[in-house]
C-alpha atoms as a PDB file:
ATOM      1  CA  UNK A   1     -70.893   1.165   8.509  1.00  0.00           C
ATOM      2  CA  UNK A   2     -70.470  -3.153   7.357  1.00  0.00           C
ATOM      3  CA  UNK A   3     -66.931  -3.010   8.739  1.00  0.00           C
ATOM      4  CA  UNK A   4     -64.739  -0.898  11.226  1.00  0.00           C
ATOM      5  CA  UNK A   5     -60.831  -1.431  10.467  1.00  0.00           C
ATOM      6  CA  UNK A   6     -59.209  -0.068  13.752  1.00  0.00           C
ATOM      7  CA  UNK A   7     -55.694   0.103  11.994  1.00  0.00           C
ATOM      8  CA  UNK A   8     -54.367  -0.405   8.315  1.00  0.00           C
ATOM      9  CA  UNK A   9     -51.419   1.205   6.106  1.00  0.00           C
ATOM     10  CA  UNK A  10     -53.313   1.285   3.211  1.00  0.00           C
ATOM     11  CA  UNK A  11     -56.604   3.324   2.183  1.00  0.00           C
ATOM     12  CA  UNK A  12     -58.712   1.022  -0.217  1.00  0.00           C
ATOM     13  CA  UNK A  13     -61.897   3.214   0.149  1.00  0.00           C
ATOM     14  CA  UNK A  14     -64.472   0.194   0.206  1.00  0.00           C
ATOM     15  CA  UNK A  15     -68.233   2.192   0.624  1.00  0.00           C
ATOM     16  CA  UNK A  16     -68.922  -0.758   3.167  1.00  0.00           C
ATOM     17  CA  UNK A  17     -65.226  -0.748   4.894  1.00  0.00           C
ATOM     18  CA  UNK A  18     -64.367   2.627   7.690  1.00  0.00           C
ATOM     19  CA  UNK A  19     -60.406   2.827   7.886  1.00  0.00           C
ATOM     20  CA  UNK A  20     -58.498   4.136  10.306  1.00  0.00           C
ATOM     21  CA  UNK A  21     -55.738   4.578   8.191  1.00  0.00           C
ATOM     22  CA  UNK A  22     -52.423   4.901   9.575  1.00  0.00           C
ATOM     23  CA  UNK A  23     -50.265   8.632   9.045  1.00  0.00           C
ATOM     24  CA  UNK A  24     -46.913  10.036   9.949  1.00  0.00           C
ATOM     25  CA  UNK A  25     -45.945  13.094  10.480  1.00  0.00           C
ATOM     26  CA  UNK A  26     -43.884  13.366   7.642  1.00  0.00           C
ATOM     27  CA  UNK A  27     -45.970  11.790   4.968  1.00  0.00           C
ATOM     28  CA  UNK A  28     -49.377  12.870   5.694  1.00  0.00           C
ATOM     29  CA  UNK A  29     -51.942  12.543   2.946  1.00  0.00           C
ATOM     30  CA  UNK A  30     -54.816  14.895   2.940  1.00  0.00           C
ATOM     31  CA  UNK A  31     -57.101  13.493   0.653  1.00  0.00           C
ATOM     32  CA  UNK A  32     -57.443  10.036   3.283  1.00  0.00           C
ATOM     33  CA  UNK A  33     -60.576  10.291   4.754  1.00  0.00           C
ATOM     34  CA  UNK A  34     -59.993   8.728   8.423  1.00  0.00           C
ATOM     35  CA  UNK A  35     -57.140   8.313   9.913  1.00  0.00           C
ATOM     36  CA  UNK A  36     -54.924   8.449  12.722  1.00  0.00           C
ATOM     37  CA  UNK A  37     -51.467  10.072  12.736  1.00  0.00           C
ATOM     38  CA  UNK A  38     -48.099   9.303  15.571  1.00  0.00           C
ATOM     39  CA  UNK A  39     -44.787   8.567  15.838  1.00  0.00           C
ATOM     40  CA  UNK A  40     -43.620   5.134  15.687  1.00  0.00           C
ATOM     41  CA  UNK A  41     -40.860   4.128  18.098  1.00  0.00           C
ATOM     42  CA  UNK A  42     -39.194   3.053  14.526  1.00  0.00           C
ATOM     43  CA  UNK A  43     -39.710   6.146  13.152  1.00  0.00           C
ATOM     44  CA  UNK A  44     -38.084   8.753  15.676  1.00  0.00           C
ATOM     45  CA  UNK A  45     -36.017  11.368  14.515  1.00  0.00           C
ATOM     46  CA  UNK A  46     -34.613  13.412  17.072  1.00  0.00           C
ATOM     47  CA  UNK A  47     -34.069  16.214  15.510  1.00  0.00           C
ATOM     48  CA  UNK A  48     -37.714  16.372  14.302  1.00  0.00           C
ATOM     49  CA  UNK A  49     -39.922  15.136  17.456  1.00  0.00           C
ATOM     50  CA  UNK A  50     -41.253  18.969  17.938  1.00  0.00           C
ATOM     51  CA  UNK A  51     -41.674  19.530  14.148  1.00  0.00           C
ATOM     52  CA  UNK A  52     -43.580  16.052  14.149  1.00  0.00           C
ATOM     53  CA  UNK A  53     -45.705  16.953  17.633  1.00  0.00           C
ATOM     54  CA  UNK A  54     -46.556  20.367  16.079  1.00  0.00           C
ATOM     55  CA  UNK A  55     -47.511  18.347  13.194  1.00  0.00           C
ATOM     56  CA  UNK A  56     -49.559  15.596  14.746  1.00  0.00           C
ATOM     57  CA  UNK A  57     -50.849  18.446  17.136  1.00  0.00           C
ATOM     58  CA  UNK A  58     -51.873  20.519  14.226  1.00  0.00           C
ATOM     59  CA  UNK A  59     -53.954  17.704  12.949  1.00  0.00           C
ATOM     60  CA  UNK A  60     -55.690  16.764  16.174  1.00  0.00           C
ATOM     61  CA  UNK A  61     -58.217  19.334  15.961  1.00  0.00           C
ATOM     62  CA  UNK A  62     -59.535  17.630  12.466  1.00  0.00           C
ATOM     63  CA  UNK A  63     -62.834  15.584  12.674  1.00  0.00           C
ATOM     64  CA  UNK A  64     -61.269  13.587   9.814  1.00  0.00           C
ATOM     65  CA  UNK A  65     -58.524  12.120  12.092  1.00  0.00           C
ATOM     66  CA  UNK A  66     -59.908  10.239  14.969  1.00  0.00           C
ATOM     67  CA  UNK A  67     -57.125   8.855  16.920  1.00  0.00           C
ATOM     68  CA  UNK A  68     -53.410   9.754  17.727  1.00  0.00           C
ATOM     69  CA  UNK A  69     -50.811   6.107  16.856  1.00  0.00           C
ATOM     70  CA  UNK A  70     -49.945   4.500  16.518  1.00  0.00           C
ATOM     71  CA  UNK A  71     -47.047   5.297  18.890  1.00  0.00           C
ATOM     72  CA  UNK A  72     -45.552   3.203  21.450  1.00  0.00           C
ATOM     73  CA  UNK A  73     -42.616   1.261  22.794  1.00  0.00           C
ATOM     74  CA  UNK A  74     -40.616  -1.344  21.520  1.00  0.00           C
ATOM     75  CA  UNK A  75     -38.029  -3.153  23.233  1.00  0.00           C
ATOM     76  CA  UNK A  76     -36.617  -5.039  20.347  1.00  0.00           C
ATOM     77  CA  UNK A  77     -35.358  -2.085  18.343  1.00  0.00           C
ATOM     78  CA  UNK A  78     -32.268   0.143  18.758  1.00  0.00           C
ATOM     79  CA  UNK A  79     -33.860   3.041  19.769  1.00  0.00           C
ATOM     80  CA  UNK A  80     -32.993   4.050  23.393  1.00  0.00           C
ATOM     81  CA  UNK A  81     -35.596   2.991  25.745  1.00  0.00           C
ATOM     82  CA  UNK A  82     -35.600   6.610  27.532  1.00  0.00           C
ATOM     83  CA  UNK A  83     -36.155   8.238  24.043  1.00  0.00           C
ATOM     84  CA  UNK A  84     -39.243   5.948  23.164  1.00  0.00           C
ATOM     85  CA  UNK A  85     -40.695   6.386  26.514  1.00  0.00           C
ATOM     86  CA  UNK A  86     -40.044  10.325  26.223  1.00  0.00           C
ATOM     87  CA  UNK A  87     -41.922  10.549  22.772  1.00  0.00           C
ATOM     88  CA  UNK A  88     -44.735   7.867  24.144  1.00  0.00           C
ATOM     89  CA  UNK A  89     -45.308  10.330  26.725  1.00  0.00           C
ATOM     90  CA  UNK A  90     -45.641  13.475  24.824  1.00  0.00           C
ATOM     91  CA  UNK A  91     -47.885  11.794  22.513  1.00  0.00           C
ATOM     92  CA  UNK A  92     -50.281  10.526  25.344  1.00  0.00           C
ATOM     93  CA  UNK A  93     -50.499  14.390  26.728  1.00  0.00           C
ATOM     94  CA  UNK A  94     -51.868  15.131  23.426  1.00  0.00           C
ATOM     95  CA  UNK A  95     -54.241  12.596  23.339  1.00  0.00           C
ATOM     96  CA  UNK A  96     -55.402  13.592  26.270  1.00  0.00           C
ATOM     97  CA  UNK A  97     -55.285  17.160  25.473  1.00  0.00           C
ATOM     98  CA  UNK A  98     -57.580  16.635  22.526  1.00  0.00           C
ATOM     99  CA  UNK A  99     -59.482  13.544  23.484  1.00  0.00           C
ATOM    100  CA  UNK A 100     -58.570  11.355  21.192  1.00  0.00           C
ATOM    101  CA  UNK A 101     -58.326   7.431  21.599  1.00  0.00           C
ATOM    102  CA  UNK A 102     -54.597   6.505  20.883  1.00  0.00           C
ATOM    103  CA  UNK A 103     -53.449   3.206  18.932  1.00  0.00           C
ATOM    104  CA  UNK A 104     -50.701   1.543  20.306  1.00  0.00           C
ATOM    105  CA  UNK A 105     -47.449  -0.262  18.811  1.00  0.00           C
ATOM    106  CA  UNK A 106     -46.354  -2.164  21.800  1.00  0.00           C
ATOM    107  CA  UNK A 107     -43.348  -4.912  21.267  1.00  0.00           C
ATOM    108  CA  UNK A 108     -41.859  -6.429  24.553  1.00  0.00           C
ATOM    109  CA  UNK A 109     -42.531  -3.932  26.752  1.00  0.00           C
ATOM    110  CA  UNK A 110     -46.262  -4.137  27.837  1.00  0.00           C
ATOM    111  CA  UNK A 111     -45.636  -3.718  31.582  1.00  0.00           C
ATOM    112  CA  UNK A 112     -43.774  -0.047  30.734  1.00  0.00           C
ATOM    113  CA  UNK A 113     -47.002   0.432  29.063  1.00  0.00           C
ATOM    114  CA  UNK A 114     -49.346  -0.461  31.266  1.00  0.00           C
ATOM    115  CA  UNK A 115     -46.916   1.863  34.225  1.00  0.00           C
ATOM    116  CA  UNK A 116     -46.880   4.780  31.754  1.00  0.00           C
ATOM    117  CA  UNK A 117     -51.076   4.467  31.583  1.00  0.00           C
ATOM    118  CA  UNK A 118     -51.235   4.598  35.309  1.00  0.00           C
ATOM    119  CA  UNK A 119     -48.321   6.751  35.827  1.00  0.00           C
ATOM    120  CA  UNK A 120     -49.933   9.788  33.674  1.00  0.00           C
ATOM    121  CA  UNK A 121     -53.409   8.822  34.690  1.00  0.00           C
ATOM    122  CA  UNK A 122     -54.624   8.523  31.102  1.00  0.00           C
ATOM    123  CA  UNK A 123     -58.528   8.686  30.618  1.00  0.00           C
ATOM    124  CA  UNK A 124     -58.861   8.174  27.230  1.00  0.00           C
ATOM    125  CA  UNK A 125     -59.440   4.651  25.333  1.00  0.00           C
ATOM    126  CA  UNK A 126     -55.958   3.231  24.928  1.00  0.00           C
ATOM    127  CA  UNK A 127     -55.911   0.188  22.036  1.00  0.00           C
ATOM    128  CA  UNK A 128     -53.113  -2.602  21.529  1.00  0.00           C
ATOM    129  CA  UNK A 129     -52.584  -2.904  17.413  1.00  0.00           C
ATOM    130  CA  UNK A 130     -51.851  -6.596  16.501  1.00  0.00           C
ATOM    131  CA  UNK A 131     -52.395  -8.588  19.737  1.00  0.00           C
ATOM    132  CA  UNK A 132     -49.998 -11.789  19.413  1.00  0.00           C
ATOM    133  CA  UNK A 133     -49.441 -12.685  22.554  1.00  0.00           C
ATOM    134  CA  UNK A 134     -50.622 -15.373  25.930  1.00  0.00           C
ATOM    135  CA  UNK A 135     -54.020 -15.217  27.503  1.00  0.00           C
ATOM    136  CA  UNK A 136     -52.188 -13.532  30.652  1.00  0.00           C
ATOM    137  CA  UNK A 137     -51.018 -10.720  29.368  1.00  0.00           C
ATOM    138  CA  UNK A 138     -54.124 -10.288  27.272  1.00  0.00           C
ATOM    139  CA  UNK A 139     -56.093 -10.278  30.767  1.00  0.00           C
ATOM    140  CA  UNK A 140     -53.615  -8.252  32.603  1.00  0.00           C
ATOM    141  CA  UNK A 141     -54.415  -5.521  29.708  1.00  0.00           C
ATOM    142  CA  UNK A 142     -57.769  -5.587  29.974  1.00  0.00           C
ATOM    143  CA  UNK A 143     -57.755  -5.675  33.814  1.00  0.00           C
ATOM    144  CA  UNK A 144     -56.079  -2.205  33.008  1.00  0.00           C
ATOM    145  CA  UNK A 145     -58.042  -0.624  30.775  1.00  0.00           C
ATOM    146  CA  UNK A 146     -57.087  -1.625  27.429  1.00  0.00           C
ATOM    147  CA  UNK A 147     -58.407  -2.618  24.638  1.00  0.00           C
ATOM    148  CA  UNK A 148     -56.980  -5.378  22.087  1.00  0.00           C
ATOM    149  CA  UNK A 149     -56.917  -5.427  18.266  1.00  0.00           C
ATOM    150  CA  UNK A 150     -55.993  -8.406  16.270  1.00  0.00           C
ATOM    151  CA  UNK A 151     -55.402  -9.483  12.797  1.00  0.00           C
ATOM    152  CA  UNK A 152     -52.743 -10.406  11.090  1.00  0.00           C
ATOM    153  CA  UNK A 153     -51.497 -12.838  13.601  1.00  0.00           C
ATOM    154  CA  UNK A 154     -54.825 -14.173  14.264  1.00  0.00           C
ATOM    155  CA  UNK A 155     -54.830 -15.315  10.962  1.00  0.00           C
ATOM    156  CA  UNK A 156     -51.829 -16.508  10.903  1.00  0.00           C
ATOM    157  CA  UNK A 157     -51.076 -18.284  14.227  1.00  0.00           C
ATOM    158  CA  UNK A 158     -53.854 -20.775  15.417  1.00  0.00           C
ATOM    159  CA  UNK A 159     -52.877 -20.945  18.710  1.00  0.00           C
ATOM    160  CA  UNK A 160     -54.371 -17.714  19.245  1.00  0.00           C
ATOM    161  CA  UNK A 161     -57.923 -18.839  18.983  1.00  0.00           C
ATOM    162  CA  UNK A 162     -58.041 -19.332  22.712  1.00  0.00           C
ATOM    163  CA  UNK A 163     -56.474 -16.008  23.886  1.00  0.00           C
ATOM    164  CA  UNK A 164     -59.096 -14.046  21.214  1.00  0.00           C
ATOM    165  CA  UNK A 165     -62.092 -16.223  22.664  1.00  0.00           C
ATOM    166  CA  UNK A 166     -60.856 -15.106  26.132  1.00  0.00           C
ATOM    167  CA  UNK A 167     -61.743 -11.430  25.243  1.00  0.00           C
ATOM    168  CA  UNK A 168     -64.224  -9.666  26.731  1.00  0.00           C
ATOM    169  CA  UNK A 169     -66.565  -8.286  23.820  1.00  0.00           C
ATOM    170  CA  UNK A 170     -66.547  -5.007  24.882  1.00  0.00           C
ATOM    171  CA  UNK A 171     -62.800  -4.580  24.517  1.00  0.00           C
ATOM    172  CA  UNK A 172     -62.220  -5.966  21.317  1.00  0.00           C
ATOM    173  CA  UNK A 173     -61.543  -4.511  17.471  1.00  0.00           C
ATOM    174  CA  UNK A 174     -60.346  -6.796  14.491  1.00  0.00           C
ATOM    175  CA  UNK A 175     -57.547  -5.030  11.732  1.00  0.00           C
ATOM    176  CA  UNK A 176     -55.354  -5.523   8.825  1.00  0.00           C
ATOM    177  CA  UNK A 177     -52.730  -3.567   9.411  1.00  0.00           C
ATOM    178  CA  UNK A 178     -50.324  -5.115   6.201  1.00  0.00           C
ATOM    179  CA  UNK A 179     -51.717  -8.039   4.858  1.00  0.00           C
ATOM    180  CA  UNK A 180     -53.145  -8.388   1.337  1.00  0.00           C
ATOM    181  CA  UNK A 181     -56.803 -10.333   2.895  1.00  0.00           C
ATOM    182  CA  UNK A 182     -59.390  -7.310   3.352  1.00  0.00           C
ATOM    183  CA  UNK A 183     -60.978  -6.878   6.374  1.00  0.00           C
ATOM    184  CA  UNK A 184     -63.994  -9.300   5.887  1.00  0.00           C
ATOM    185  CA  UNK A 185     -61.815 -11.940   6.429  1.00  0.00           C
ATOM    186  CA  UNK A 186     -60.256 -11.178   9.936  1.00  0.00           C
ATOM    187  CA  UNK A 187     -64.393 -10.720  11.058  1.00  0.00           C
ATOM    188  CA  UNK A 188     -65.146 -14.082   9.062  1.00  0.00           C
ATOM    189  CA  UNK A 189     -62.283 -16.047  11.412  1.00  0.00           C
ATOM    190  CA  UNK A 190     -62.822 -13.902  14.330  1.00  0.00           C
ATOM    191  CA  UNK A 191     -66.714 -14.797  13.985  1.00  0.00           C
ATOM    192  CA  UNK A 192     -65.839 -18.201  14.024  1.00  0.00           C
ATOM    193  CA  UNK A 193     -63.587 -17.967  17.251  1.00  0.00           C
ATOM    194  CA  UNK A 194     -66.183 -16.611  19.657  1.00  0.00           C
ATOM    195  CA  UNK A 195     -68.989 -18.901  17.725  1.00  0.00           C
ATOM    196  CA  UNK A 196     -71.048 -15.908  16.215  1.00  0.00           C
ATOM    197  CA  UNK A 197     -73.004 -15.110  13.208  1.00  0.00           C
ATOM    198  CA  UNK A 198     -70.933 -12.690  11.415  1.00  0.00           C
ATOM    199  CA  UNK A 199     -74.232  -9.816  11.901  1.00  0.00           C
ATOM    200  CA  UNK A 200     -73.752 -10.269  15.830  1.00  0.00           C
ATOM    201  CA  UNK A 201     -69.907  -9.676  15.118  1.00  0.00           C
ATOM    202  CA  UNK A 202     -70.341  -6.701  12.861  1.00  0.00           C
ATOM    203  CA  UNK A 203     -72.666  -5.469  15.997  1.00  0.00           C
ATOM    204  CA  UNK A 204     -69.679  -5.943  18.201  1.00  0.00           C
ATOM    205  CA  UNK A 205     -67.570  -3.702  16.657  1.00  0.00           C
ATOM    206  CA  UNK A 206     -70.058  -0.945  15.770  1.00  0.00           C
ATOM    207  CA  UNK A 207     -70.987  -0.909  19.072  1.00  0.00           C
ATOM    208  CA  UNK A 208     -67.546  -0.661  20.472  1.00  0.00           C
ATOM    209  CA  UNK A 209     -66.387   1.821  18.190  1.00  0.00           C
ATOM    210  CA  UNK A 210     -69.293   3.765  19.175  1.00  0.00           C
ATOM    211  CA  UNK A 211     -68.309   3.993  22.920  1.00  0.00           C
ATOM    212  CA  UNK A 212     -64.395   4.697  21.857  1.00  0.00           C
ATOM    213  CA  UNK A 213     -64.797   7.103  18.815  1.00  0.00           C
ATOM    214  CA  UNK A 214     -67.489   8.873  19.746  1.00  0.00           C
END
């Protein structure tokens, strides 16, 4: 593949791009070629949790399902953090059972996500998507075995350059999430920040894809 897009909400069906398209249990589209599926903390419906988890488990058996997520914790929404934590842990248990990587949404809850990984002894790869925080947070995540994906905020916030430069190449992914720019634009900026050629950036991401998604 030419490009890998770790997280997007739109399937563009480009022949040179492998996209991991985010799907929700209640809005599943079987026509999407490669996807992740999970209960986003924003979209928890208490009386549908068991049903959603059952749908997720059925899809995790599909070879087109490359990961679980996005799922995680968000302290800036009204859903009780205890409820979010319960739903997150149930999805992590499924990830372990089916040996699938996890795409994580995390807002103001990095310590809780790290603690959950340790508590549950999660061994599958865990990827923080849409990273926008400081170097210290990134270093802590790396030290605890997480991968970090950059996209929207890398393009929008020049202050992330120094953070991005500090990320080891073997822990790095790129994405578009909800932005209009294509994944090539993210790769171009990432290559410039790392002071490498586009071909080398593609090789780095492809190697990480092979490691994480096997």
